Amino acid sequence: MTPYGRRVRELRAARGVTLAQMAQALGVTPAYLSALEHGKRGQPTFTLIQGAIHVLGIIWDEADELIRLADLSHPRVTVDTAGLEPEATLFANRLAREIEWLGPSDLAALSSILDSAARRRGGA
């Protein structure tokens, strides 16, 4: 499941909206919406995200969060290490090969490192 899919599922459950109801409101099939939530389809389109925001009746911070999560929910990521240190290429390839073996605490530790790097460069 993608971060976007997990959050949409949580919001649907909190509001009592079924997958079938949401799919119908968005003009897609339940199978497509399920595949999107589970990362078997690419990122949702901006139009679909806006539709989900409307169907779920969310505003402001929750809407911004959903847009951010959609941006971070592509199930097939490409990492371009051209021009970076050889260690970056090594790390990217190892991560691609070994990510399935990382547990929640490993992922949290790596996310913390990325958050620190983003703060150093002035990002969010």
PDB file of N, CA and C in Angstrom:
ATOM      1  N   MET A   1       0.844  -1.178   0.000  1.00  0.00           N
ATOM      2  CA  MET A   1       0.000   0.000   0.000  1.00  0.00           C
ATOM      3  C   MET A   1       0.889   1.241   0.000  1.00  0.00           C
ATOM      4  N   THR A   2       0.471   2.254  -0.737  1.00  0.00           N
ATOM      5  CA  THR A   2       1.244   3.495  -0.784  1.00  0.00           C
ATOM      6  C   THR A   2       0.850   4.403   0.385  1.00  0.00           C
ATOM      7  N   PRO A   3       1.702   5.394   0.705  1.00  0.00           N
ATOM      8  CA  PRO A   3       1.323   6.342   1.756  1.00  0.00           C
ATOM      9  C   PRO A   3       0.001   7.049   1.432  1.00  0.00           C
ATOM     10  N   TYR A   4      -0.177   7.415   0.163  1.00  0.00           N
ATOM     11  CA  TYR A   4      -1.431   8.041  -0.275  1.00  0.00           C
ATOM     12  C   TYR A   4      -2.597   7.078  -0.076  1.00  0.00           C
ATOM     13  N   GLY A   5      -2.436   5.846  -0.508  1.00  0.00           N
ATOM     14  CA  GLY A   5      -3.499   4.848  -0.391  1.00  0.00           C
ATOM     15  C   GLY A   5      -3.886   4.583   1.048  1.00  0.00           C
ATOM     16  N   ARG A   6      -2.891   4.485   1.906  1.00  0.00           N
ATOM     17  CA  ARG A   6      -3.173   4.247   3.329  1.00  0.00           C
ATOM     18  C   ARG A   6      -3.973   5.405   3.922  1.00  0.00           C
ATOM     19  N   ARG A   7      -3.580   6.640   3.581  1.00  0.00           N
ATOM     20  CA  ARG A   7      -4.278   7.802   4.140  1.00  0.00           C
ATOM     21  C   ARG A   7      -5.692   7.910   3.588  1.00  0.00           C
ATOM     22  N   VAL A   8      -5.868   7.667   2.305  1.00  0.00           N
ATOM     23  CA  VAL A   8      -7.214   7.708   1.724  1.00  0.00           C
ATOM     24  C   VAL A   8      -8.096   6.654   2.391  1.00  0.00           C
ATOM     25  N   ARG A   9      -7.555   5.480   2.600  1.00  0.00           N
ATOM     26  CA  ARG A   9      -8.321   4.414   3.261  1.00  0.00           C
ATOM     27  C   ARG A   9      -8.713   4.841   4.675  1.00  0.00           C
ATOM     28  N   GLU A  10      -7.788   5.453   5.415  1.00  0.00           N
ATOM     29  CA  GLU A  10      -8.091   5.931   6.773  1.00  0.00           C
ATOM     30  C   GLU A  10      -9.197   6.989   6.741  1.00  0.00           C
ATOM     31  N   LEU A  11      -9.091   7.929   5.799  1.00  0.00           N
ATOM     32  CA  LEU A  11     -10.094   8.990   5.694  1.00  0.00           C
ATOM     33  C   LEU A  11     -11.452   8.429   5.285  1.00  0.00           C
ATOM     34  N   ARG A  12     -11.449   7.470   4.360  1.00  0.00           N
ATOM     35  CA  ARG A  12     -12.720   6.851   3.946  1.00  0.00           C
ATOM     36  C   ARG A  12     -13.381   6.161   5.132  1.00  0.00           C
ATOM     37  N   ALA A  13     -12.593   5.410   5.895  1.00  0.00           N
ATOM     38  CA  ALA A  13     -13.133   4.689   7.053  1.00  0.00           C
ATOM     39  C   ALA A  13     -13.691   5.661   8.087  1.00  0.00           C
ATOM     40  N   ALA A  14     -12.968   6.740   8.340  1.00  0.00           N
ATOM     41  CA  ALA A  14     -13.412   7.725   9.329  1.00  0.00           C
ATOM     42  C   ALA A  14     -14.712   8.404   8.919  1.00  0.00           C
ATOM     43  N   ARG A  15     -14.945   8.484   7.612  1.00  0.00           N
ATOM     44  CA  ARG A  15     -16.135   9.163   7.118  1.00  0.00           C
ATOM     45  C   ARG A  15     -17.227   8.194   6.645  1.00  0.00           C
ATOM     46  N   GLY A  16     -16.952   6.901   6.761  1.00  0.00           N
ATOM     47  CA  GLY A  16     -17.948   5.901   6.375  1.00  0.00           C
ATOM     48  C   GLY A  16     -18.184   5.808   4.882  1.00  0.00           C
ATOM     49  N   VAL A  17     -17.146   6.107   4.094  1.00  0.00           N
ATOM     50  CA  VAL A  17     -17.250   6.038   2.630  1.00  0.00           C
ATOM     51  C   VAL A  17     -16.586   4.745   2.174  1.00  0.00           C
ATOM     52  N   THR A  18     -17.325   3.915   1.448  1.00  0.00           N
ATOM     53  CA  THR A  18     -16.751   2.663   0.962  1.00  0.00           C
ATOM     54  C   THR A  18     -15.900   2.906  -0.279  1.00  0.00           C
ATOM     55  N   LEU A  19     -15.090   1.931  -0.597  1.00  0.00           N
ATOM     56  CA  LEU A  19     -14.281   1.994  -1.815  1.00  0.00           C
ATOM     57  C   LEU A  19     -15.187   2.148  -3.031  1.00  0.00           C
ATOM     58  N   ALA A  20     -16.273   1.375  -3.080  1.00  0.00           N
ATOM     59  CA  ALA A  20     -17.197   1.427  -4.215  1.00  0.00           C
ATOM     60  C   ALA A  20     -17.863   2.795  -4.329  1.00  0.00           C
ATOM     61  N   GLN A  21     -18.269   3.371  -3.205  1.00  0.00           N
ATOM     62  CA  GLN A  21     -18.890   4.695  -3.230  1.00  0.00           C
ATOM     63  C   GLN A  21     -17.920   5.755  -3.732  1.00  0.00           C
ATOM     64  N   MET A  22     -16.689   5.691  -3.254  1.00  0.00           N
ATOM     65  CA  MET A  22     -15.703   6.680  -3.669  1.00  0.00           C
ATOM     66  C   MET A  22     -15.363   6.514  -5.146  1.00  0.00           C
ATOM     67  N   ALA A  23     -15.191   5.280  -5.568  1.00  0.00           N
ATOM     68  CA  ALA A  23     -14.885   5.025  -6.982  1.00  0.00           C
ATOM     69  C   ALA A  23     -15.986   5.583  -7.875  1.00  0.00           C
ATOM     70  N   GLN A  24     -17.233   5.339  -7.503  1.00  0.00           N
ATOM     71  CA  GLN A  24     -18.352   5.838  -8.306  1.00  0.00           C
ATOM     72  C   GLN A  24     -18.338   7.369  -8.358  1.00  0.00           C
ATOM     73  N   ALA A  25     -18.112   8.001  -7.224  1.00  0.00           N
ATOM     74  CA  ALA A  25     -18.075   9.464  -7.181  1.00  0.00           C
ATOM     75  C   ALA A  25     -16.932  10.033  -8.019  1.00  0.00           C
ATOM     76  N   LEU A  26     -15.829   9.287  -8.118  1.00  0.00           N
ATOM     77  CA  LEU A  26     -14.663   9.747  -8.881  1.00  0.00           C
ATOM     78  C   LEU A  26     -14.731   9.349 -10.350  1.00  0.00           C
ATOM     79  N   GLY A  27     -15.685   8.484 -10.694  1.00  0.00           N
ATOM     80  CA  GLY A  27     -15.805   8.042 -12.088  1.00  0.00           C
ATOM     81  C   GLY A  27     -14.760   7.018 -12.489  1.00  0.00           C
ATOM     82  N   VAL A  28     -14.312   6.229 -11.520  1.00  0.00           N
ATOM     83  CA  VAL A  28     -13.366   5.143 -11.804  1.00  0.00           C
ATOM     84  C   VAL A  28     -13.950   3.855 -11.251  1.00  0.00           C
ATOM     85  N   THR A  29     -13.343   2.735 -11.596  1.00  0.00           N
ATOM     86  CA  THR A  29     -13.827   1.464 -11.072  1.00  0.00           C
ATOM     87  C   THR A  29     -13.252   1.223  -9.679  1.00  0.00           C
ATOM     88  N   PRO A  30     -13.956   0.446  -8.863  1.00  0.00           N
ATOM     89  CA  PRO A  30     -13.399   0.082  -7.563  1.00  0.00           C
ATOM     90  C   PRO A  30     -12.062  -0.649  -7.701  1.00  0.00           C
ATOM     91  N   ALA A  31     -11.924  -1.464  -8.747  1.00  0.00           N
ATOM     92  CA  ALA A  31     -10.669  -2.194  -8.960  1.00  0.00           C
ATOM     93  C   ALA A  31      -9.515  -1.221  -9.210  1.00  0.00           C
ATOM     94  N   TYR A  32      -9.777  -0.180  -9.994  1.00  0.00           N
ATOM     95  CA  TYR A  32      -8.736   0.815 -10.262  1.00  0.00           C
ATOM     96  C   TYR A  32      -8.352   1.548  -8.984  1.00  0.00           C
ATOM     97  N   LEU A  33      -9.355   1.974  -8.214  1.00  0.00           N
ATOM     98  CA  LEU A  33      -9.074   2.698  -6.985  1.00  0.00           C
ATOM     99  C   LEU A  33      -8.307   1.825  -5.991  1.00  0.00           C
ATOM    100  N   SER A  34      -8.677   0.558  -5.899  1.00  0.00           N
ATOM    101  CA  SER A  34      -7.966  -0.369  -5.023  1.00  0.00           C
ATOM    102  C   SER A  34      -6.519  -0.543  -5.479  1.00  0.00           C
ATOM    103  N   ALA A  35      -6.319  -0.697  -6.791  1.00  0.00           N
ATOM    104  CA  ALA A  35      -4.964  -0.854  -7.333  1.00  0.00           C
ATOM    105  C   ALA A  35      -4.132   0.399  -7.081  1.00  0.00           C
ATOM    106  N   LEU A  36      -4.755   1.558  -7.165  1.00  0.00           N
ATOM    107  CA  LEU A  36      -4.061   2.814  -6.899  1.00  0.00           C
ATOM    108  C   LEU A  36      -3.629   2.878  -5.437  1.00  0.00           C
ATOM    109  N   GLU A  37      -4.518   2.500  -4.533  1.00  0.00           N
ATOM    110  CA  GLU A  37      -4.193   2.507  -3.111  1.00  0.00           C
ATOM    111  C   GLU A  37      -3.061   1.537  -2.782  1.00  0.00           C
ATOM    112  N   HIS A  38      -3.020   0.410  -3.471  1.00  0.00           N
ATOM    113  CA  HIS A  38      -2.036  -0.626  -3.172  1.00  0.00           C
ATOM    114  C   HIS A  38      -0.741  -0.494  -3.966  1.00  0.00           C
ATOM    115  N   GLY A  39      -0.607   0.553  -4.766  1.00  0.00           N
ATOM    116  CA  GLY A  39       0.626   0.774  -5.496  1.00  0.00           C
ATOM    117  C   GLY A  39       0.782  -0.082  -6.728  1.00  0.00           C
ATOM    118  N   LYS A  40      -0.312  -0.641  -7.209  1.00  0.00           N
ATOM    119  CA  LYS A  40      -0.248  -1.440  -8.427  1.00  0.00           C
ATOM    120  C   LYS A  40      -0.509  -0.572  -9.667  1.00  0.00           C
ATOM    121  N   ARG A  41      -0.819   0.681  -9.444  1.00  0.00           N
ATOM    122  CA  ARG A  41      -0.957   1.686 -10.492  1.00  0.00           C
ATOM    123  C   ARG A  41      -0.013   2.823 -10.126  1.00  0.00           C
ATOM    124  N   GLY A  42       0.265   3.696 -11.062  1.00  0.00           N
ATOM    125  CA  GLY A  42       1.158   4.824 -10.788  1.00  0.00           C
ATOM    126  C   GLY A  42       0.541   5.817  -9.830  1.00  0.00           C
ATOM    127  N   GLN A  43       1.130   6.990  -9.762  1.00  0.00           N
ATOM    128  CA  GLN A  43       0.616   8.033  -8.890  1.00  0.00           C
ATOM    129  C   GLN A  43      -0.766   8.478  -9.361  1.00  0.00           C
ATOM    130  N   PRO A  44      -1.602   8.917  -8.426  1.00  0.00           N
ATOM    131  CA  PRO A  44      -2.902   9.457  -8.836  1.00  0.00           C
ATOM    132  C   PRO A  44      -2.717  10.780  -9.563  1.00  0.00           C
ATOM    133  N   THR A  45      -3.614  11.072 -10.488  1.00  0.00           N
ATOM    134  CA  THR A  45      -3.555  12.353 -11.191  1.00  0.00           C
ATOM    135  C   THR A  45      -4.007  13.469 -10.255  1.00  0.00           C
ATOM    136  N   PHE A  46      -3.667  14.688 -10.604  1.00  0.00           N
ATOM    137  CA  PHE A  46      -4.085  15.832  -9.791  1.00  0.00           C
ATOM    138  C   PHE A  46      -5.610  15.909  -9.740  1.00  0.00           C
ATOM    139  N   THR A  47      -6.256  15.614 -10.863  1.00  0.00           N
ATOM    140  CA  THR A  47      -7.721  15.635 -10.920  1.00  0.00           C
ATOM    141  C   THR A  47      -8.312  14.605  -9.963  1.00  0.00           C
ATOM    142  N   LEU A  48      -7.731  13.415  -9.931  1.00  0.00           N
ATOM    143  CA  LEU A  48      -8.221  12.375  -9.021  1.00  0.00           C
ATOM    144  C   LEU A  48      -7.996  12.777  -7.563  1.00  0.00           C
ATOM    145  N   ILE A  49      -6.858  13.368  -7.270  1.00  0.00           N
ATOM    146  CA  ILE A  49      -6.574  13.826  -5.910  1.00  0.00           C
ATOM    147  C   ILE A  49      -7.595  14.881  -5.491  1.00  0.00           C
ATOM    148  N   GLN A  50      -7.841  15.843  -6.377  1.00  0.00           N
ATOM    149  CA  GLN A  50      -8.826  16.883  -6.073  1.00  0.00           C
ATOM    150  C   GLN A  50     -10.216  16.283  -5.877  1.00  0.00           C
ATOM    151  N   GLY A  51     -10.550  15.291  -6.685  1.00  0.00           N
ATOM    152  CA  GLY A  51     -11.830  14.607  -6.520  1.00  0.00           C
ATOM    153  C   GLY A  51     -11.924  13.916  -5.170  1.00  0.00           C
ATOM    154  N   ALA A  52     -10.849  13.254  -4.758  1.00  0.00           N
ATOM    155  CA  ALA A  52     -10.826  12.572  -3.462  1.00  0.00           C
ATOM    156  C   ALA A  52     -10.989  13.582  -2.330  1.00  0.00           C
ATOM    157  N   ILE A  53     -10.324  14.716  -2.450  1.00  0.00           N
ATOM    158  CA  ILE A  53     -10.443  15.775  -1.440  1.00  0.00           C
ATOM    159  C   ILE A  53     -11.900  16.216  -1.328  1.00  0.00           C
ATOM    160  N   HIS A  54     -12.552  16.375  -2.475  1.00  0.00           N
ATOM    161  CA  HIS A  54     -13.959  16.797  -2.485  1.00  0.00           C
ATOM    162  C   HIS A  54     -14.869  15.713  -1.902  1.00  0.00           C
ATOM    163  N   VAL A  55     -14.698  14.474  -2.363  1.00  0.00           N
ATOM    164  CA  VAL A  55     -15.546  13.365  -1.900  1.00  0.00           C
ATOM    165  C   VAL A  55     -15.400  13.160  -0.395  1.00  0.00           C
ATOM    166  N   LEU A  56     -14.184  13.277   0.099  1.00  0.00           N
ATOM    167  CA  LEU A  56     -13.935  13.049   1.519  1.00  0.00           C
ATOM    168  C   LEU A  56     -14.214  14.274   2.382  1.00  0.00           C
ATOM    169  N   GLY A  57     -14.477  15.399   1.724  1.00  0.00           N
ATOM    170  CA  GLY A  57     -14.819  16.608   2.458  1.00  0.00           C
ATOM    171  C   GLY A  57     -13.708  17.116   3.350  1.00  0.00           C
ATOM    172  N   ILE A  58     -12.477  17.036   2.856  1.00  0.00           N
ATOM    173  CA  ILE A  58     -11.353  17.493   3.671  1.00  0.00           C
ATOM    174  C   ILE A  58     -10.891  18.869   3.203  1.00  0.00           C
ATOM    175  N   ILE A  59     -10.323  19.609   4.116  1.00  0.00           N
ATOM    176  CA  ILE A  59      -9.865  20.964   3.798  1.00  0.00           C
ATOM    177  C   ILE A  59      -8.478  21.204   4.380  1.00  0.00           C
ATOM    178  N   TRP A  60      -7.879  22.278   3.963  1.00  0.00           N
ATOM    179  CA  TRP A  60      -6.624  22.828   4.443  1.00  0.00           C
ATOM    180  C   TRP A  60      -5.517  21.817   4.664  1.00  0.00           C
ATOM    181  N   ASP A  61      -5.150  21.620   5.925  1.00  0.00           N
ATOM    182  CA  ASP A  61      -3.987  20.792   6.232  1.00  0.00           C
ATOM    183  C   ASP A  61      -4.140  19.361   5.735  1.00  0.00           C
ATOM    184  N   GLU A  62      -5.330  18.780   5.912  1.00  0.00           N
ATOM    185  CA  GLU A  62      -5.526  17.404   5.438  1.00  0.00           C
ATOM    186  C   GLU A  62      -5.418  17.327   3.917  1.00  0.00           C
ATOM    187  N   ALA A  63      -5.924  18.342   3.218  1.00  0.00           N
ATOM    188  CA  ALA A  63      -5.824  18.371   1.759  1.00  0.00           C
ATOM    189  C   ALA A  63      -4.369  18.509   1.323  1.00  0.00           C
ATOM    190  N   ASP A  64      -3.636  19.401   1.984  1.00  0.00           N
ATOM    191  CA  ASP A  64      -2.213  19.568   1.673  1.00  0.00           C
ATOM    192  C   ASP A  64      -1.450  18.273   1.927  1.00  0.00           C
ATOM    193  N   GLU A  65      -1.780  17.599   3.032  1.00  0.00           N
ATOM    194  CA  GLU A  65      -1.124  16.332   3.360  1.00  0.00           C
ATOM    195  C   GLU A  65      -1.404  15.290   2.286  1.00  0.00           C
ATOM    196  N   LEU A  66      -2.649  15.214   1.811  1.00  0.00           N
ATOM    197  CA  LEU A  66      -2.999  14.228   0.792  1.00  0.00           C
ATOM    198  C   LEU A  66      -2.249  14.496  -0.513  1.00  0.00           C
ATOM    199  N   ILE A  67      -2.123  15.756  -0.889  1.00  0.00           N
ATOM    200  CA  ILE A  67      -1.373  16.127  -2.096  1.00  0.00           C
ATOM    201  C   ILE A  67       0.100  15.749  -1.935  1.00  0.00           C
ATOM    202  N   ARG A  68       0.675  16.027  -0.757  1.00  0.00           N
ATOM    203  CA  ARG A  68       2.076  15.683  -0.486  1.00  0.00           C
ATOM    204  C   ARG A  68       2.287  14.177  -0.534  1.00  0.00           C
ATOM    205  N   LEU A  69       1.374  13.433   0.077  1.00  0.00           N
ATOM    206  CA  LEU A  69       1.499  11.970   0.084  1.00  0.00           C
ATOM    207  C   LEU A  69       1.374  11.393  -1.319  1.00  0.00           C
ATOM    208  N   ALA A  70       0.498  11.965  -2.131  1.00  0.00           N
ATOM    209  CA  ALA A  70       0.364  11.488  -3.518  1.00  0.00           C
ATOM    210  C   ALA A  70       1.675  11.680  -4.267  1.00  0.00           C
ATOM    211  N   ASP A  71       2.340  12.806  -4.015  1.00  0.00           N
ATOM    212  CA  ASP A  71       3.620  13.073  -4.665  1.00  0.00           C
ATOM    213  C   ASP A  71       4.685  12.074  -4.238  1.00  0.00           C
ATOM    214  N   LEU A  72       4.558  11.531  -3.037  1.00  0.00           N
ATOM    215  CA  LEU A  72       5.545  10.590  -2.501  1.00  0.00           C
ATOM    216  C   LEU A  72       5.089   9.135  -2.612  1.00  0.00           C
ATOM    217  N   SER A  73       4.113   8.867  -3.479  1.00  0.00           N
ATOM    218  CA  SER A  73       3.532   7.529  -3.533  1.00  0.00           C
ATOM    219  C   SER A  73       3.713   6.811  -4.863  1.00  0.00           C
ATOM    220  N   HIS A  74       4.706   7.200  -5.629  1.00  0.00           N
ATOM    221  CA  HIS A  74       4.950   6.467  -6.877  1.00  0.00           C
ATOM    222  C   HIS A  74       5.567   5.124  -6.517  1.00  0.00           C
ATOM    223  N   PRO A  75       4.949   4.015  -6.936  1.00  0.00           N
ATOM    224  CA  PRO A  75       5.441   2.700  -6.517  1.00  0.00           C
ATOM    225  C   PRO A  75       6.723   2.237  -7.220  1.00  0.00           C
ATOM    226  N   ARG A  76       7.093   2.888  -8.311  1.00  0.00           N
ATOM    227  CA  ARG A  76       8.312   2.507  -9.025  1.00  0.00           C
ATOM    228  C   ARG A  76       9.196   3.738  -9.168  1.00  0.00           C
ATOM    229  N   VAL A  77      10.122   3.871  -8.251  1.00  0.00           N
ATOM    230  CA  VAL A  77      10.952   5.069  -8.154  1.00  0.00           C
ATOM    231  C   VAL A  77      12.224   4.903  -8.971  1.00  0.00           C
ATOM    232  N   THR A  78      12.645   5.985  -9.629  1.00  0.00           N
ATOM    233  CA  THR A  78      13.918   6.021 -10.337  1.00  0.00           C
ATOM    234  C   THR A  78      14.823   6.999  -9.604  1.00  0.00           C
ATOM    235  N   VAL A  79      16.038   6.564  -9.307  1.00  0.00           N
ATOM    236  CA  VAL A  79      16.992   7.425  -8.619  1.00  0.00           C
ATOM    237  C   VAL A  79      18.149   7.694  -9.573  1.00  0.00           C
ATOM    238  N   ASP A  80      18.330   8.969  -9.930  1.00  0.00           N
ATOM    239  CA  ASP A  80      19.399   9.369 -10.846  1.00  0.00           C
ATOM    240  C   ASP A  80      20.607   9.790 -10.021  1.00  0.00           C
ATOM    241  N   THR A  81      21.665   9.006 -10.068  1.00  0.00           N
ATOM    242  CA  THR A  81      22.880   9.328  -9.317  1.00  0.00           C
ATOM    243  C   THR A  81      23.996   9.851 -10.214  1.00  0.00           C
ATOM    244  N   ALA A  82      23.675  10.160 -11.466  1.00  0.00           N
ATOM    245  CA  ALA A  82      24.686  10.702 -12.379  1.00  0.00           C
ATOM    246  C   ALA A  82      25.267  11.980 -11.802  1.00  0.00           C
ATOM    247  N   GLY A  83      26.577  12.059 -11.760  1.00  0.00           N
ATOM    248  CA  GLY A  83      27.251  13.242 -11.259  1.00  0.00           C
ATOM    249  C   GLY A  83      27.447  13.261  -9.748  1.00  0.00           C
ATOM    250  N   LEU A  84      26.948  12.246  -9.067  1.00  0.00           N
ATOM    251  CA  LEU A  84      27.128  12.172  -7.613  1.00  0.00           C
ATOM    252  C   LEU A  84      28.320  11.274  -7.287  1.00  0.00           C
ATOM    253  N   GLU A  85      28.665  11.224  -6.033  1.00  0.00           N
ATOM    254  CA  GLU A  85      29.757  10.366  -5.579  1.00  0.00           C
ATOM    255  C   GLU A  85      29.437   8.900  -5.874  1.00  0.00           C
ATOM    256  N   PRO A  86      30.461   8.068  -6.110  1.00  0.00           N
ATOM    257  CA  PRO A  86      30.228   6.645  -6.332  1.00  0.00           C
ATOM    258  C   PRO A  86      29.450   5.996  -5.187  1.00  0.00           C
ATOM    259  N   GLU A  87      29.640   6.498  -3.977  1.00  0.00           N
ATOM    260  CA  GLU A  87      28.922   5.942  -2.820  1.00  0.00           C
ATOM    261  C   GLU A  87      27.413   6.144  -2.940  1.00  0.00           C
ATOM    262  N   ALA A  88      27.006   7.237  -3.597  1.00  0.00           N
ATOM    263  CA  ALA A  88      25.578   7.486  -3.798  1.00  0.00           C
ATOM    264  C   ALA A  88      24.986   6.435  -4.732  1.00  0.00           C
ATOM    265  N   THR A  89      25.710   6.104  -5.792  1.00  0.00           N
ATOM    266  CA  THR A  89      25.247   5.075  -6.722  1.00  0.00           C
ATOM    267  C   THR A  89      25.188   3.721  -6.037  1.00  0.00           C
ATOM    268  N   LEU A  90      26.212   3.417  -5.254  1.00  0.00           N
ATOM    269  CA  LEU A  90      26.234   2.167  -4.503  1.00  0.00           C
ATOM    270  C   LEU A  90      25.041   2.095  -3.554  1.00  0.00           C
ATOM    271  N   PHE A  91      24.817   3.172  -2.810  1.00  0.00           N
ATOM    272  CA  PHE A  91      23.725   3.189  -1.846  1.00  0.00           C
ATOM    273  C   PHE A  91      22.370   3.038  -2.537  1.00  0.00           C
ATOM    274  N   ALA A  92      22.157   3.762  -3.640  1.00  0.00           N
ATOM    275  CA  ALA A  92      20.881   3.695  -4.352  1.00  0.00           C
ATOM    276  C   ALA A  92      20.615   2.279  -4.861  1.00  0.00           C
ATOM    277  N   ASN A  93      21.639   1.644  -5.393  1.00  0.00           N
ATOM    278  CA  ASN A  93      21.475   0.279  -5.895  1.00  0.00           C
ATOM    279  C   ASN A  93      21.240  -0.719  -4.766  1.00  0.00           C
ATOM    280  N   ARG A  94      21.949  -0.556  -3.685  1.00  0.00           N
ATOM    281  CA  ARG A  94      21.730  -1.454  -2.527  1.00  0.00           C
ATOM    282  C   ARG A  94      20.336  -1.261  -1.955  1.00  0.00           C
ATOM    283  N   LEU A  95      19.912  -0.023  -1.851  1.00  0.00           N
ATOM    284  CA  LEU A  95      18.576   0.241  -1.330  1.00  0.00           C
ATOM    285  C   LEU A  95      17.514  -0.406  -2.218  1.00  0.00           C
ATOM    286  N   ALA A  96      17.650  -0.260  -3.532  1.00  0.00           N
ATOM    287  CA  ALA A  96      16.688  -0.872  -4.453  1.00  0.00           C
ATOM    288  C   ALA A  96      16.652  -2.385  -4.295  1.00  0.00           C
ATOM    289  N   ARG A  97      17.804  -2.983  -4.080  1.00  0.00           N
ATOM    290  CA  ARG A  97      17.889  -4.441  -3.973  1.00  0.00           C
ATOM    291  C   ARG A  97      17.434  -4.959  -2.608  1.00  0.00           C
ATOM    292  N   GLU A  98      17.662  -4.189  -1.566  1.00  0.00           N
ATOM    293  CA  GLU A  98      17.481  -4.704  -0.212  1.00  0.00           C
ATOM    294  C   GLU A  98      16.343  -4.048   0.579  1.00  0.00           C
ATOM    295  N   ILE A  99      15.581  -3.157  -0.035  1.00  0.00           N
ATOM    296  CA  ILE A  99      14.555  -2.431   0.706  1.00  0.00           C
ATOM    297  C   ILE A  99      13.506  -3.355   1.313  1.00  0.00           C
ATOM    298  N   GLU A 100      13.224  -4.457   0.655  1.00  0.00           N
ATOM    299  CA  GLU A 100      12.198  -5.361   1.189  1.00  0.00           C
ATOM    300  C   GLU A 100      12.596  -5.980   2.523  1.00  0.00           C
ATOM    301  N   TRP A 101      13.869  -5.945   2.859  1.00  0.00           N
ATOM    302  CA  TRP A 101      14.347  -6.536   4.110  1.00  0.00           C
ATOM    303  C   TRP A 101      14.401  -5.528   5.251  1.00  0.00           C
ATOM    304  N   LEU A 102      14.107  -4.277   4.971  1.00  0.00           N
ATOM    305  CA  LEU A 102      14.150  -3.252   6.009  1.00  0.00           C
ATOM    306  C   LEU A 102      12.848  -3.274   6.806  1.00  0.00           C
ATOM    307  N   GLY A 103      12.985  -3.253   8.109  1.00  0.00           N
ATOM    308  CA  GLY A 103      11.818  -3.212   8.983  1.00  0.00           C
ATOM    309  C   GLY A 103      11.416  -1.783   9.290  1.00  0.00           C
ATOM    310  N   PRO A 104      10.322  -1.612  10.005  1.00  0.00           N
ATOM    311  CA  PRO A 104       9.840  -0.265  10.335  1.00  0.00           C
ATOM    312  C   PRO A 104      10.882   0.594  11.052  1.00  0.00           C
ATOM    313  N   SER A 105      11.648   0.020  11.966  1.00  0.00           N
ATOM    314  CA  SER A 105      12.653   0.825  12.679  1.00  0.00           C
ATOM    315  C   SER A 105      13.798   1.219  11.740  1.00  0.00           C
ATOM    316  N   ASP A 106      14.164   0.338  10.814  1.00  0.00           N
ATOM    317  CA  ASP A 106      15.199   0.679   9.828  1.00  0.00           C
ATOM    318  C   ASP A 106      14.726   1.836   8.948  1.00  0.00           C
ATOM    319  N   LEU A 107      13.484   1.742   8.479  1.00  0.00           N
ATOM    320  CA  LEU A 107      12.931   2.787   7.611  1.00  0.00           C
ATOM    321  C   LEU A 107      12.823   4.112   8.362  1.00  0.00           C
ATOM    322  N   ALA A 108      12.441   4.056   9.634  1.00  0.00           N
ATOM    323  CA  ALA A 108      12.353   5.272  10.440  1.00  0.00           C
ATOM    324  C   ALA A 108      13.731   5.909  10.608  1.00  0.00           C
ATOM    325  N   ALA A 109      14.746   5.084  10.825  1.00  0.00           N
ATOM    326  CA  ALA A 109      16.110   5.608  10.983  1.00  0.00           C
ATOM    327  C   ALA A 109      16.595   6.265   9.694  1.00  0.00           C
ATOM    328  N   LEU A 110      16.350   5.627   8.561  1.00  0.00           N
ATOM    329  CA  LEU A 110      16.757   6.213   7.283  1.00  0.00           C
ATOM    330  C   LEU A 110      15.966   7.490   6.995  1.00  0.00           C
ATOM    331  N   SER A 111      14.683   7.504   7.321  1.00  0.00           N
ATOM    332  CA  SER A 111      13.870   8.708   7.133  1.00  0.00           C
ATOM    333  C   SER A 111      14.386   9.851   7.987  1.00  0.00           C
ATOM    334  N   SER A 112      14.824   9.552   9.192  1.00  0.00           N
ATOM    335  CA  SER A 112      15.380  10.570  10.078  1.00  0.00           C
ATOM    336  C   SER A 112      16.645  11.181   9.480  1.00  0.00           C
ATOM    337  N   ILE A 113      17.471  10.341   8.878  1.00  0.00           N
ATOM    338  CA  ILE A 113      18.690  10.830   8.219  1.00  0.00           C
ATOM    339  C   ILE A 113      18.322  11.752   7.057  1.00  0.00           C
ATOM    340  N   LEU A 114      17.333  11.348   6.270  1.00  0.00           N
ATOM    341  CA  LEU A 114      16.893  12.188   5.142  1.00  0.00           C
ATOM    342  C   LEU A 114      16.296  13.497   5.634  1.00  0.00           C
ATOM    343  N   ASP A 115      15.540  13.459   6.730  1.00  0.00           N
ATOM    344  CA  ASP A 115      14.965  14.680   7.301  1.00  0.00           C
ATOM    345  C   ASP A 115      16.081  15.627   7.734  1.00  0.00           C
ATOM    346  N   SER A 116      17.127  15.102   8.356  1.00  0.00           N
ATOM    347  CA  SER A 116      18.264  15.930   8.783  1.00  0.00           C
ATOM    348  C   SER A 116      18.959  16.559   7.580  1.00  0.00           C
ATOM    349  N   ALA A 117      19.148  15.782   6.535  1.00  0.00           N
ATOM    350  CA  ALA A 117      19.780  16.312   5.321  1.00  0.00           C
ATOM    351  C   ALA A 117      18.935  17.417   4.688  1.00  0.00           C
ATOM    352  N   ALA A 118      17.607  17.227   4.684  1.00  0.00           N
ATOM    353  CA  ALA A 118      16.710  18.229   4.121  1.00  0.00           C
ATOM    354  C   ALA A 118      16.778  19.525   4.931  1.00  0.00           C
ATOM    355  N   ARG A 119      16.844  19.402   6.245  1.00  0.00           N
ATOM    356  CA  ARG A 119      16.953  20.597   7.093  1.00  0.00           C
ATOM    357  C   ARG A 119      18.269  21.333   6.830  1.00  0.00           C
ATOM    358  N   ARG A 120      19.362  20.596   6.643  1.00  0.00           N
ATOM    359  CA  ARG A 120      20.670  21.223   6.377  1.00  0.00           C
ATOM    360  C   ARG A 120      20.648  22.018   5.080  1.00  0.00           C
ATOM    361  N   ARG A 121      19.929  21.528   4.086  1.00  0.00           N
ATOM    362  CA  ARG A 121      19.880  22.239   2.806  1.00  0.00           C
ATOM    363  C   ARG A 121      18.752  23.248   2.755  1.00  0.00           C
ATOM    364  N   GLY A 122      17.990  23.338   3.845  1.00  0.00           N
ATOM    365  CA  GLY A 122      16.925  24.335   3.913  1.00  0.00           C
ATOM    366  C   GLY A 122      15.591  23.837   3.388  1.00  0.00           C
ATOM    367  N   GLY A 123      15.466  22.529   3.170  1.00  0.00           N
ATOM    368  CA  GLY A 123      14.205  21.970   2.685  1.00  0.00           C
ATOM    369  C   GLY A 123      13.304  21.580   3.821  1.00  0.00           C
ATOM    370  N   ALA A 124      12.166  20.991   3.462  1.00  0.00           N
ATOM    371  CA  ALA A 124      11.190  20.604   4.490  1.00  0.00           C
ATOM    372  C   ALA A 124      11.315  19.171   4.878  1.00  0.00           C
TER     373      ALA A 124
END
